[in-house]
C-alpha atoms as a PDB file:
ATOM      1  CA  MET A   1       0.000   0.000   0.000  1.00  0.00           C
ATOM      2  CA  GLY A   2       1.256   3.508  -0.825  1.00  0.00           C
ATOM      3  CA  VAL A   3       0.104   7.021  -1.647  1.00  0.00           C
ATOM      4  CA  THR A   4      -0.493   8.611  -5.044  1.00  0.00           C
ATOM      5  CA  ASP A   5       0.865  11.999  -6.090  1.00  0.00           C
ATOM      6  CA  THR A   6      -2.504  13.503  -5.158  1.00  0.00           C
ATOM      7  CA  GLY A   7      -2.341  12.072  -1.649  1.00  0.00           C
ATOM      8  CA  GLU A   8      -4.893   9.311  -2.214  1.00  0.00           C
ATOM      9  CA  GLU A   9      -4.305   6.035  -0.451  1.00  0.00           C
ATOM     10  CA  LEU A  10      -3.197   3.384  -2.948  1.00  0.00           C
ATOM     11  CA  ALA A  11      -4.528  -0.075  -2.104  1.00  0.00           C
ATOM     12  CA  ALA A  12      -5.033  -3.230  -4.099  1.00  0.00           C
ATOM     13  CA  ALA A  13      -8.096  -3.730  -6.258  1.00  0.00           C
ATOM     14  CA  ASP A  14     -11.077  -5.311  -4.574  1.00  0.00           C
ATOM     15  CA  HIS A  15     -10.998  -9.111  -4.968  1.00  0.00           C
ATOM     16  CA  THR A  16     -14.606  -9.210  -6.179  1.00  0.00           C
ATOM     17  CA  ALA A  17     -13.917  -6.521  -8.802  1.00  0.00           C
ATOM     18  CA  VAL A  18     -10.947  -8.501 -10.093  1.00  0.00           C
ATOM     19  CA  ARG A  19     -12.998 -11.700 -10.295  1.00  0.00           C
ATOM     20  CA  VAL A  20     -15.714  -9.929 -12.300  1.00  0.00           C
ATOM     21  CA  ALA A  21     -13.116  -8.488 -14.688  1.00  0.00           C
ATOM     22  CA  LEU A  22     -11.586 -11.921 -15.204  1.00  0.00           C
ATOM     23  CA  TRP A  23     -14.977 -13.512 -15.879  1.00  0.00           C
ATOM     24  CA  ARG A  24     -15.625 -10.886 -18.538  1.00  0.00           C
ATOM     25  CA  ALA A  25     -12.316 -11.726 -20.174  1.00  0.00           C
ATOM     26  CA  LEU A  26     -13.006 -15.446 -19.824  1.00  0.00           C
ATOM     27  CA  HIS A  27     -16.212 -14.977 -21.814  1.00  0.00           C
ATOM     28  CA  VAL A  28     -14.106 -13.689 -24.714  1.00  0.00           C
ATOM     29  CA  ARG A  29     -11.391 -16.320 -24.394  1.00  0.00           C
ATOM     30  CA  ALA A  30     -13.393 -19.450 -23.560  1.00  0.00           C
ATOM     31  CA  ASP A  31     -16.861 -18.959 -25.065  1.00  0.00           C
ATOM     32  CA  PRO A  32     -17.391 -19.086 -28.837  1.00  0.00           C
ATOM     33  CA  PRO A  33     -18.673 -15.969 -30.630  1.00  0.00           C
ATOM     34  CA  PRO A  34     -20.839 -14.038 -30.862  1.00  0.00           C
ATOM     35  CA  HIS A  35     -19.749 -12.467 -27.585  1.00  0.00           C
ATOM     36  CA  VAL A  36     -22.273 -10.529 -25.549  1.00  0.00           C
ATOM     37  CA  LEU A  37     -19.543  -8.182 -24.367  1.00  0.00           C
ATOM     38  CA  GLU A  38     -15.948  -7.907 -25.537  1.00  0.00           C
ATOM     39  CA  ASP A  39     -13.914  -6.710 -22.595  1.00  0.00           C
ATOM     40  CA  GLU A  40     -10.296  -7.593 -22.025  1.00  0.00           C
ATOM     41  CA  ILE A  41      -9.336  -4.148 -20.754  1.00  0.00           C
ATOM     42  CA  GLY A  42     -10.428  -5.243 -17.289  1.00  0.00           C
ATOM     43  CA  LEU A  43      -7.970  -8.126 -17.585  1.00  0.00           C
ATOM     44  CA  ARG A  44      -5.196  -5.669 -18.432  1.00  0.00           C
ATOM     45  CA  LEU A  45      -6.113  -3.531 -15.436  1.00  0.00           C
ATOM     46  CA  ALA A  46      -6.191  -6.510 -13.072  1.00  0.00           C
ATOM     47  CA  ASP A  47      -2.888  -7.820 -14.467  1.00  0.00           C
ATOM     48  CA  PRO A  48      -3.191 -11.309 -12.921  1.00  0.00           C
ATOM     49  CA  ASP A  49      -0.388 -13.847 -13.032  1.00  0.00           C
ATOM     50  CA  ASP A  50      -0.076 -16.123 -16.051  1.00  0.00           C
ATOM     51  CA  GLY A  51      -1.983 -18.914 -14.337  1.00  0.00           C
ATOM     52  CA  TRP A  52      -5.187 -16.956 -13.750  1.00  0.00           C
ATOM     53  CA  ARG A  53      -7.280 -19.352 -15.813  1.00  0.00           C
ATOM     54  CA  GLU A  54      -6.285 -22.180 -13.477  1.00  0.00           C
ATOM     55  CA  ARG A  55      -7.972 -20.491 -10.530  1.00  0.00           C
ATOM     56  CA  PRO A  56     -10.878 -22.582  -9.128  1.00  0.00           C
ATOM     57  CA  ASP A  57     -13.240 -19.625  -9.604  1.00  0.00           C
ATOM     58  CA  MET A  58     -12.299 -19.491 -13.302  1.00  0.00           C
ATOM     59  CA  ASP A  59     -13.331 -23.072 -14.078  1.00  0.00           C
ATOM     60  CA  VAL A  60     -14.806 -22.803 -17.568  1.00  0.00           C
ATOM     61  CA  ASP A  61     -17.611 -25.307 -17.039  1.00  0.00           C
ATOM     62  CA  ALA A  62     -18.571 -24.479 -13.453  1.00  0.00           C
ATOM     63  CA  THR A  63     -18.766 -20.722 -14.072  1.00  0.00           C
ATOM     64  CA  ARG A  64     -20.459 -20.805 -17.471  1.00  0.00           C
ATOM     65  CA  ARG A  65     -23.788 -19.382 -16.307  1.00  0.00           C
ATOM     66  CA  THR A  66     -22.212 -17.052 -13.757  1.00  0.00           C
ATOM     67  CA  ARG A  67     -20.053 -15.305 -16.345  1.00  0.00           C
ATOM     68  CA  ALA A  68     -23.044 -15.201 -18.701  1.00  0.00           C
ATOM     69  CA  SER A  69     -24.915 -13.268 -16.018  1.00  0.00           C
ATOM     70  CA  ILE A  70     -21.949 -10.939 -15.540  1.00  0.00           C
ATOM     71  CA  VAL A  71     -21.616 -10.027 -19.224  1.00  0.00           C
ATOM     72  CA  ALA A  72     -25.388  -9.830 -19.695  1.00  0.00           C
ATOM     73  CA  ARG A  73     -25.854  -7.304 -16.910  1.00  0.00           C
ATOM     74  CA  ALA A  74     -22.974  -5.185 -18.243  1.00  0.00           C
ATOM     75  CA  ARG A  75     -24.332  -5.258 -21.787  1.00  0.00           C
ATOM     76  CA  PHE A  76     -27.846  -4.387 -20.587  1.00  0.00           C
ATOM     77  CA  VAL A  77     -26.562  -1.365 -18.678  1.00  0.00           C
ATOM     78  CA  GLU A  78     -24.449  -0.192 -21.600  1.00  0.00           C
ATOM     79  CA  ASP A  79     -27.361  -0.533 -24.011  1.00  0.00           C
ATOM     80  CA  LEU A  80     -29.486   1.473 -21.570  1.00  0.00           C
ATOM     81  CA  VAL A  81     -26.856   4.220 -21.280  1.00  0.00           C
ATOM     82  CA  GLY A  82     -26.487   4.412 -25.066  1.00  0.00           C
ATOM     83  CA  GLU A  83     -30.237   4.739 -25.516  1.00  0.00           C
ATOM     84  CA  ALA A  84     -30.486   7.394 -22.783  1.00  0.00           C
ATOM     85  CA  ALA A  85     -27.576   9.359 -24.259  1.00  0.00           C
ATOM     86  CA  GLY A  86     -29.426   9.334 -27.574  1.00  0.00           C
ATOM     87  CA  ARG A  87     -32.320  11.051 -25.780  1.00  0.00           C
ATOM     88  CA  GLY A  88     -30.038  13.737 -24.399  1.00  0.00           C
ATOM     89  CA  VAL A  89     -29.237  12.303 -20.975  1.00  0.00           C
ATOM     90  CA  ASP A  90     -25.644  13.378 -20.338  1.00  0.00           C
ATOM     91  CA  GLN A  91     -24.850  11.976 -16.859  1.00  0.00           C
ATOM     92  CA  TYR A  92     -23.986   8.366 -16.049  1.00  0.00           C
ATOM     93  CA  VAL A  93     -23.150   7.289 -12.494  1.00  0.00           C
ATOM     94  CA  VAL A  94     -21.527   3.923 -11.725  1.00  0.00           C
ATOM     95  CA  LEU A  95     -21.859   3.056  -8.034  1.00  0.00           C
ATOM     96  CA  GLY A  96     -19.234   0.641  -6.719  1.00  0.00           C
ATOM     97  CA  ALA A  97     -17.452   0.950 -10.056  1.00  0.00           C
ATOM     98  CA  GLY A  98     -14.663  -1.558  -9.379  1.00  0.00           C
ATOM     99  CA  LEU A  99     -12.892  -2.361 -12.657  1.00  0.00           C
ATOM    100  CA  ASP A 100     -15.695  -1.112 -14.878  1.00  0.00           C
ATOM    101  CA  THR A 101     -14.322  -0.321 -18.334  1.00  0.00           C
ATOM    102  CA  PHE A 102     -17.249   1.387 -20.084  1.00  0.00           C
ATOM    103  CA  ALA A 103     -15.294   4.640 -20.375  1.00  0.00           C
ATOM    104  CA  GLN A 104     -12.324   2.917 -22.009  1.00  0.00           C
ATOM    105  CA  ARG A 105     -14.354   0.752 -24.393  1.00  0.00           C
ATOM    106  CA  ARG A 106     -17.192   3.112 -25.386  1.00  0.00           C
ATOM    107  CA  PRO A 107     -15.696   6.606 -25.622  1.00  0.00           C
ATOM    108  CA  GLU A 108     -17.725   7.217 -28.792  1.00  0.00           C
ATOM    109  CA  ILE A 109     -20.901   7.470 -26.689  1.00  0.00           C
ATOM    110  CA  ALA A 110     -19.373  10.257 -24.599  1.00  0.00           C
ATOM    111  CA  ALA A 111     -18.000  11.979 -27.689  1.00  0.00           C
ATOM    112  CA  ALA A 112     -21.353  11.908 -29.484  1.00  0.00           C
ATOM    113  CA  SER A 113     -23.523  13.013 -26.571  1.00  0.00           C
ATOM    114  CA  GLY A 114     -21.328  14.983 -24.199  1.00  0.00           C
ATOM    115  CA  LEU A 115     -21.832  12.261 -21.621  1.00  0.00           C
ATOM    116  CA  ARG A 116     -20.048  12.615 -18.289  1.00  0.00           C
ATOM    117  CA  VAL A 117     -19.280   9.397 -16.448  1.00  0.00           C
ATOM    118  CA  PHE A 118     -18.949   9.350 -12.667  1.00  0.00           C
ATOM    119  CA  GLU A 119     -17.260   6.264 -11.207  1.00  0.00           C
ATOM    120  CA  VAL A 120     -17.953   6.114  -7.479  1.00  0.00           C
ATOM    121  CA  ASP A 121     -15.861   3.798  -5.303  1.00  0.00           C
ATOM    122  CA  ARG A 122     -13.798   3.548  -2.121  1.00  0.00           C
ATOM    123  CA  PRO A 123     -10.638   5.680  -2.135  1.00  0.00           C
ATOM    124  CA  GLY A 124      -7.993   2.940  -1.960  1.00  0.00           C
ATOM    125  CA  PRO A 125      -9.173   0.679  -4.806  1.00  0.00           C
ATOM    126  CA  GLN A 126     -10.053   3.686  -6.919  1.00  0.00           C
ATOM    127  CA  ALA A 127      -6.606   5.230  -6.482  1.00  0.00           C
ATOM    128  CA  TRP A 128      -5.150   1.883  -7.526  1.00  0.00           C
ATOM    129  CA  LYS A 129      -7.337   1.862 -10.626  1.00  0.00           C
ATOM    130  CA  ARG A 130      -6.348   5.430 -11.515  1.00  0.00           C
ATOM    131  CA  ARG A 131      -2.699   4.437 -11.317  1.00  0.00           C
ATOM    132  CA  ARG A 132      -3.275   1.380 -13.519  1.00  0.00           C
ATOM    133  CA  LEU A 133      -5.099   3.504 -16.131  1.00  0.00           C
ATOM    134  CA  MET A 134      -2.126   5.817 -16.236  1.00  0.00           C
ATOM    135  CA  ASP A 135       0.392   2.966 -16.356  1.00  0.00           C
ATOM    136  CA  LEU A 136      -1.433   1.421 -19.319  1.00  0.00           C
ATOM    137  CA  GLY A 137      -1.516   4.721 -21.184  1.00  0.00           C
ATOM    138  CA  LEU A 138      -5.321   4.851 -21.060  1.00  0.00           C
ATOM    139  CA  GLY A 139      -5.454   7.943 -18.884  1.00  0.00           C
ATOM    140  CA  VAL A 140      -8.481   9.628 -17.340  1.00  0.00           C
ATOM    141  CA  PRO A 141     -10.257  11.959 -19.792  1.00  0.00           C
ATOM    142  CA  GLU A 142     -11.952  15.118 -18.511  1.00  0.00           C
ATOM    143  CA  TRP A 143     -15.412  13.637 -18.980  1.00  0.00           C
ATOM    144  CA  LEU A 144     -14.579  10.678 -16.689  1.00  0.00           C
ATOM    145  CA  ARG A 145     -14.836  11.638 -13.027  1.00  0.00           C
ATOM    146  CA  LEU A 146     -13.341   9.208 -10.515  1.00  0.00           C
ATOM    147  CA  VAL A 147     -15.130   9.989  -7.256  1.00  0.00           C
ATOM    148  CA  PRO A 148     -13.543   8.465  -4.116  1.00  0.00           C
ATOM    149  CA  VAL A 149     -16.082   8.182  -1.282  1.00  0.00           C
ATOM    150  CA  ASP A 150     -16.737   6.704   2.118  1.00  0.00           C
ATOM    151  CA  PHE A 151     -20.021   4.905   1.528  1.00  0.00           C
ATOM    152  CA  GLU A 152     -20.817   5.250   5.233  1.00  0.00           C
ATOM    153  CA  GLY A 153     -20.447   9.035   4.976  1.00  0.00           C
ATOM    154  CA  ASP A 154     -21.983  11.695   2.729  1.00  0.00           C
ATOM    155  CA  TRP A 155     -21.021   9.975  -0.512  1.00  0.00           C
ATOM    156  CA  TRP A 156     -23.879  11.657  -2.395  1.00  0.00           C
ATOM    157  CA  GLY A 157     -22.516  15.048  -1.421  1.00  0.00           C
ATOM    158  CA  ARG A 158     -19.105  14.061  -2.780  1.00  0.00           C
ATOM    159  CA  LEU A 159     -20.747  13.014  -6.034  1.00  0.00           C
ATOM    160  CA  VAL A 160     -22.471  16.378  -6.378  1.00  0.00           C
ATOM    161  CA  GLU A 161     -19.179  18.149  -5.584  1.00  0.00           C
ATOM    162  CA  ALA A 162     -17.604  16.148  -8.427  1.00  0.00           C
ATOM    163  CA  GLY A 163     -20.086  17.677 -10.866  1.00  0.00           C
ATOM    164  CA  LEU A 164     -23.293  15.625 -10.813  1.00  0.00           C
ATOM    165  CA  ASP A 165     -26.234  17.951 -11.407  1.00  0.00           C
ATOM    166  CA  PRO A 166     -29.340  16.566  -9.626  1.00  0.00           C
ATOM    167  CA  ALA A 167     -31.493  18.943 -11.651  1.00  0.00           C
ATOM    168  CA  ARG A 168     -30.640  17.115 -14.881  1.00  0.00           C
ATOM    169  CA  PRO A 169     -31.515  13.501 -15.745  1.00  0.00           C
ATOM    170  CA  ALA A 170     -28.965  10.766 -15.138  1.00  0.00           C
ATOM    171  CA  VAL A 171     -28.583   7.029 -15.452  1.00  0.00           C
ATOM    172  CA  VAL A 172     -27.408   5.479 -12.184  1.00  0.00           C
ATOM    173  CA  ALA A 173     -26.107   1.903 -12.268  1.00  0.00           C
ATOM    174  CA  SER A 174     -25.474  -0.278  -9.238  1.00  0.00           C
ATOM    175  CA  THR A 175     -24.399  -3.799 -10.205  1.00  0.00           C
ATOM    176  CA  GLY A 176     -23.096  -6.369  -7.765  1.00  0.00           C
ATOM    177  CA  VAL A 177     -23.630  -4.017  -4.812  1.00  0.00           C
ATOM    178  CA  THR A 178     -27.007  -4.522  -3.097  1.00  0.00           C
ATOM    179  CA  MET A 179     -26.087  -7.871  -1.537  1.00  0.00           C
ATOM    180  CA  TYR A 180     -23.431  -6.145   0.602  1.00  0.00           C
ATOM    181  CA  LEU A 181     -25.908  -3.577   1.969  1.00  0.00           C
ATOM    182  CA  THR A 182     -28.679  -3.742   4.531  1.00  0.00           C
ATOM    183  CA  ARG A 183     -32.181  -3.179   3.214  1.00  0.00           C
ATOM    184  CA  GLU A 184     -32.162   0.195   4.955  1.00  0.00           C
ATOM    185  CA  ALA A 185     -28.994   1.201   3.085  1.00  0.00           C
ATOM    186  CA  VAL A 186     -30.452  -0.016  -0.221  1.00  0.00           C
ATOM    187  CA  ALA A 187     -33.592   2.034   0.415  1.00  0.00           C
ATOM    188  CA  ALA A 188     -31.499   5.107   1.268  1.00  0.00           C
ATOM    189  CA  THR A 189     -29.693   4.846  -2.079  1.00  0.00           C
ATOM    190  CA  PHE A 190     -32.989   4.365  -3.905  1.00  0.00           C
ATOM    191  CA  ARG A 191     -34.406   7.512  -2.260  1.00  0.00           C
ATOM    192  CA  LEU A 192     -31.409   9.584  -3.369  1.00  0.00           C
ATOM    193  CA  VAL A 193     -31.741   8.454  -6.985  1.00  0.00           C
ATOM    194  CA  ALA A 194     -35.527   8.902  -6.913  1.00  0.00           C
ATOM    195  CA  GLY A 195     -34.868  12.549  -6.042  1.00  0.00           C
ATOM    196  CA  LEU A 196     -33.065  13.199  -9.330  1.00  0.00           C
ATOM    197  CA  ALA A 197     -34.671  15.018 -12.225  1.00  0.00           C
ATOM    198  CA  PRO A 198     -37.502  13.343 -14.169  1.00  0.00           C
ATOM    199  CA  GLY A 199     -36.077  11.215 -16.964  1.00  0.00           C
ATOM    200  CA  SER A 200     -33.500   9.652 -14.639  1.00  0.00           C
ATOM    201  CA  THR A 201     -33.159   5.869 -14.459  1.00  0.00           C
ATOM    202  CA  LEU A 202     -31.802   3.507 -11.820  1.00  0.00           C
ATOM    203  CA  VAL A 203     -30.614   0.081 -12.940  1.00  0.00           C
ATOM    204  CA  THR A 204     -29.578  -2.280 -10.168  1.00  0.00           C
ATOM    205  CA  THR A 205     -28.867  -5.947  -9.699  1.00  0.00           C
ATOM    206  CA  PHE A 206     -30.120  -7.993  -6.779  1.00  0.00           C
ATOM    207  CA  LEU A 207     -29.484 -11.493  -5.503  1.00  0.00           C
ATOM    208  CA  ARG A 208     -32.453 -13.796  -5.188  1.00  0.00           C
ATOM    209  CA  PRO A 209     -32.765 -16.168  -2.199  1.00  0.00           C
ATOM    210  CA  LEU A 210     -31.011 -19.500  -2.537  1.00  0.00           C
ATOM    211  CA  GLU A 211     -34.273 -21.401  -2.968  1.00  0.00           C
ATOM    212  CA  ASP A 212     -35.132 -19.287  -6.055  1.00  0.00           C
ATOM    213  CA  VAL A 213     -31.945 -20.243  -7.889  1.00  0.00           C
ATOM    214  CA  GLU A 214     -31.701 -23.081 -10.394  1.00  0.00           C
ATOM    215  CA  PRO A 215     -30.715 -26.274  -8.481  1.00  0.00           C
ATOM    216  CA  GLU A 216     -27.537 -26.706 -10.495  1.00  0.00           C
ATOM    217  CA  GLN A 217     -26.479 -23.133  -9.643  1.00  0.00           C
ATOM    218  CA  ARG A 218     -27.049 -23.333  -5.884  1.00  0.00           C
ATOM    219  CA  PRO A 219     -23.555 -24.662  -5.066  1.00  0.00           C
ATOM    220  CA  GLN A 220     -22.083 -21.607  -6.847  1.00  0.00           C
ATOM    221  CA  LEU A 221     -24.193 -19.231  -4.771  1.00  0.00           C
ATOM    222  CA  GLU A 222     -23.467 -21.112  -1.565  1.00  0.00           C
ATOM    223  CA  ALA A 223     -19.749 -20.860  -2.298  1.00  0.00           C
ATOM    224  CA  ALA A 224     -20.084 -17.137  -3.013  1.00  0.00           C
ATOM    225  CA  VAL A 225     -21.925 -16.588   0.266  1.00  0.00           C
ATOM    226  CA  ALA A 226     -19.274 -18.512   2.198  1.00  0.00           C
ATOM    227  CA  GLY A 227     -16.441 -16.711   0.432  1.00  0.00           C
ATOM    228  CA  ALA A 228     -17.927 -13.278   1.114  1.00  0.00           C
ATOM    229  CA  ARG A 229     -18.362 -14.125   4.790  1.00  0.00           C
ATOM    230  CA  ALA A 230     -14.795 -15.390   5.056  1.00  0.00           C
ATOM    231  CA  ALA A 231     -13.507 -12.208   3.404  1.00  0.00           C
ATOM    232  CA  GLY A 232     -15.294 -10.059   5.974  1.00  0.00           C
ATOM    233  CA  THR A 233     -17.810  -8.701   3.457  1.00  0.00           C
ATOM    234  CA  PRO A 234     -20.877 -10.892   4.063  1.00  0.00           C
ATOM    235  CA  PHE A 235     -23.956 -10.815   1.865  1.00  0.00           C
ATOM    236  CA  LEU A 236     -26.619  -8.958   3.846  1.00  0.00           C
ATOM    237  CA  SER A 237     -29.595  -8.674   1.505  1.00  0.00           C
ATOM    238  CA  PHE A 238     -31.456 -11.017  -0.803  1.00  0.00           C
ATOM    239  CA  PHE A 239     -34.647  -9.998  -2.593  1.00  0.00           C
ATOM    240  CA  ARG A 240     -37.443 -11.618  -4.473  1.00  0.00           C
ATOM    241  CA  PRO A 241     -38.564  -9.509  -7.443  1.00  0.00           C
ATOM    242  CA  SER A 242     -41.769  -8.392  -5.721  1.00  0.00           C
ATOM    243  CA  GLU A 243     -39.760  -7.274  -2.679  1.00  0.00           C
ATOM    244  CA  ILE A 244     -37.279  -5.080  -4.502  1.00  0.00           C
ATOM    245  CA  LEU A 245     -40.026  -3.582  -6.674  1.00  0.00           C
ATOM    246  CA  ALA A 246     -41.981  -2.717  -3.534  1.00  0.00           C
ATOM    247  CA  LEU A 247     -38.871  -1.170  -1.982  1.00  0.00           C
ATOM    248  CA  ALA A 248     -38.295   0.960  -5.086  1.00  0.00           C
ATOM    249  CA  ARG A 249     -41.867   2.272  -5.017  1.00  0.00           C
ATOM    250  CA  GLU A 250     -41.711   2.924  -1.280  1.00  0.00           C
ATOM    251  CA  SER A 251     -38.506   4.886  -1.922  1.00  0.00           C
ATOM    252  CA  GLY A 252     -40.195   7.265  -4.341  1.00  0.00           C
ATOM    253  CA  PHE A 253     -40.133   5.670  -7.786  1.00  0.00           C
ATOM    254  CA  ARG A 254     -43.458   5.711  -9.606  1.00  0.00           C
ATOM    255  CA  GLU A 255     -42.204   3.281 -12.264  1.00  0.00           C
ATOM    256  CA  ALA A 256     -40.228   0.098 -11.591  1.00  0.00           C
ATOM    257  CA  ARG A 257     -39.924  -3.217 -13.365  1.00  0.00           C
ATOM    258  CA  HIS A 258     -38.118  -6.517 -12.953  1.00  0.00           C
ATOM    259  CA  VAL A 259     -35.757  -7.661 -15.725  1.00  0.00           C
ATOM    260  CA  PRO A 260     -35.616 -11.472 -15.340  1.00  0.00           C
ATOM    261  CA  ALA A 261     -32.853 -13.745 -16.551  1.00  0.00           C
ATOM    262  CA  GLU A 262     -35.211 -15.019 -19.244  1.00  0.00           C
ATOM    263  CA  GLU A 263     -35.384 -11.544 -20.784  1.00  0.00           C
ATOM    264  CA  LEU A 264     -31.598 -11.265 -20.848  1.00  0.00           C
ATOM    265  CA  ASP A 265     -31.465 -14.736 -22.375  1.00  0.00           C
ATOM    266  CA  ARG A 266     -33.786 -13.674 -25.201  1.00  0.00           C
ATOM    267  CA  ARG A 267     -31.902 -10.429 -25.801  1.00  0.00           C
ATOM    268  CA  TYR A 268     -28.338 -11.697 -25.838  1.00  0.00           C
ATOM    269  CA  PHE A 269     -28.128 -15.495 -25.956  1.00  0.00           C
ATOM    270  CA  GLU A 270     -30.879 -16.610 -28.317  1.00  0.00           C
ATOM    271  CA  GLY A 271     -29.823 -19.515 -30.504  1.00  0.00           C
ATOM    272  CA  ARG A 272     -26.829 -20.548 -28.403  1.00  0.00           C
ATOM    273  CA  THR A 273     -26.488 -24.266 -27.760  1.00  0.00           C
ATOM    274  CA  ASP A 274     -23.368 -24.199 -25.587  1.00  0.00           C
ATOM    275  CA  GLY A 275     -25.079 -23.617 -22.233  1.00  0.00           C
ATOM    276  CA  VAL A 276     -23.901 -20.014 -21.984  1.00  0.00           C
ATOM    277  CA  ARG A 277     -26.994 -18.334 -20.575  1.00  0.00           C
ATOM    278  CA  PRO A 278     -27.630 -16.253 -17.463  1.00  0.00           C
ATOM    279  CA  SER A 279     -28.787 -17.631 -14.139  1.00  0.00           C
ATOM    280  CA  ARG A 280     -31.715 -16.208 -12.198  1.00  0.00           C
ATOM    281  CA  GLY A 281     -29.499 -16.066  -9.099  1.00  0.00           C
ATOM    282  CA  GLU A 282     -28.812 -12.387  -9.853  1.00  0.00           C
ATOM    283  CA  GLU A 283     -31.321 -10.334 -11.811  1.00  0.00           C
ATOM    284  CA  LEU A 284     -31.982  -6.707 -12.643  1.00  0.00           C
ATOM    285  CA  MET A 285     -34.473  -4.042 -11.689  1.00  0.00           C
ATOM    286  CA  LEU A 286     -35.151  -0.817 -13.590  1.00  0.00           C
ATOM    287  CA  ALA A 287     -36.738   2.181 -11.879  1.00  0.00           C
ATOM    288  CA  ARG A 288     -37.545   5.472 -13.534  1.00  0.00           C
ATOM    289  CA  VAL A 289     -38.053   8.978 -12.182  1.00  0.00           C
ATOM    290  CA  THR A 290     -41.184  10.424 -13.773  1.00  0.00           C
ATOM    291  CA  ALA A 291     -43.089  13.663 -13.363  1.00  0.00           C
ATOM    292  CA  ALA A 292     -46.578  13.360 -11.915  1.00  0.00           C
ATOM    293  CA  SER A 293     -48.013  14.346 -15.293  1.00  0.00           C
ATOM    294  CA  ASP A 294     -46.066  11.659 -17.173  1.00  0.00           C
ATOM    295  CA  GLY A 295     -48.463   8.870 -18.018  1.00  0.00           C
ATOM    296  CA  SER A 296     -45.990   6.808 -20.032  1.00  0.00           C
ATOM    297  CA  ARG A 297     -45.143   3.229 -19.097  1.00  0.00           C
ATOM    298  CA  TRP A 298     -42.257   0.870 -19.679  1.00  0.00           C
ATOM    299  CA  PRO A 299     -42.232  -0.642 -23.157  1.00  0.00           C
END
């Protein structure tokens, strides 16, 4: 551990963020095309040792559906951001950004729409990521704001200080985060996003209870739960779709819908015969900020 030139604490990347980045790369290297998402920049950032594919959590067969879920959620969010940018939305917030590489892979969206991307994460891992971006020659463009926060403090205030304008619409993405939060903390985040300008959208993942998961996927989830507990970052919240939709509406969203694994399967994996398809262990919810006079509904 060290300190950057700006005084930020430099720590290692979060283990979960690295694992997600490696799964995204594994999709490109182990699964036949067409690929749902082509991302090996995260692999370059993580810079694992040469034997990374021999890791137990990189087993090609055992993680097939898990990595399908990972790339499907990323692709869904990126499609959503591209569509919103086409409508004039120019703010995109990534909560718990980890080794997200949207800004490095899709700069054309920012160039075409004036999009500003806010990556929100803990100071140590984010300082590490900044250093890796510089080391790789990728840099940090002006439209990419890396926002180091203490999630137990006034992280929303830090985000606004970094340039987020609550009076203008934004897309806020929170993937792979809610399971680490209490329901009260999840609701607090929902309320903050619901207070943004009409036209804003929240897209979030959530873990379903073990009994909701496909039987063949339950050992994977059980191992993830045990691993998170052993690492000192236990999973605190599981939701059924009706529960997280109710929480979103209680938190101020007038519009919310569940995006099941089956929908992602139809969008991105139709016609595949290799077993690469998402699991319902982790699914998505969309919530939209609408004005009281807006009678539109989700398509």
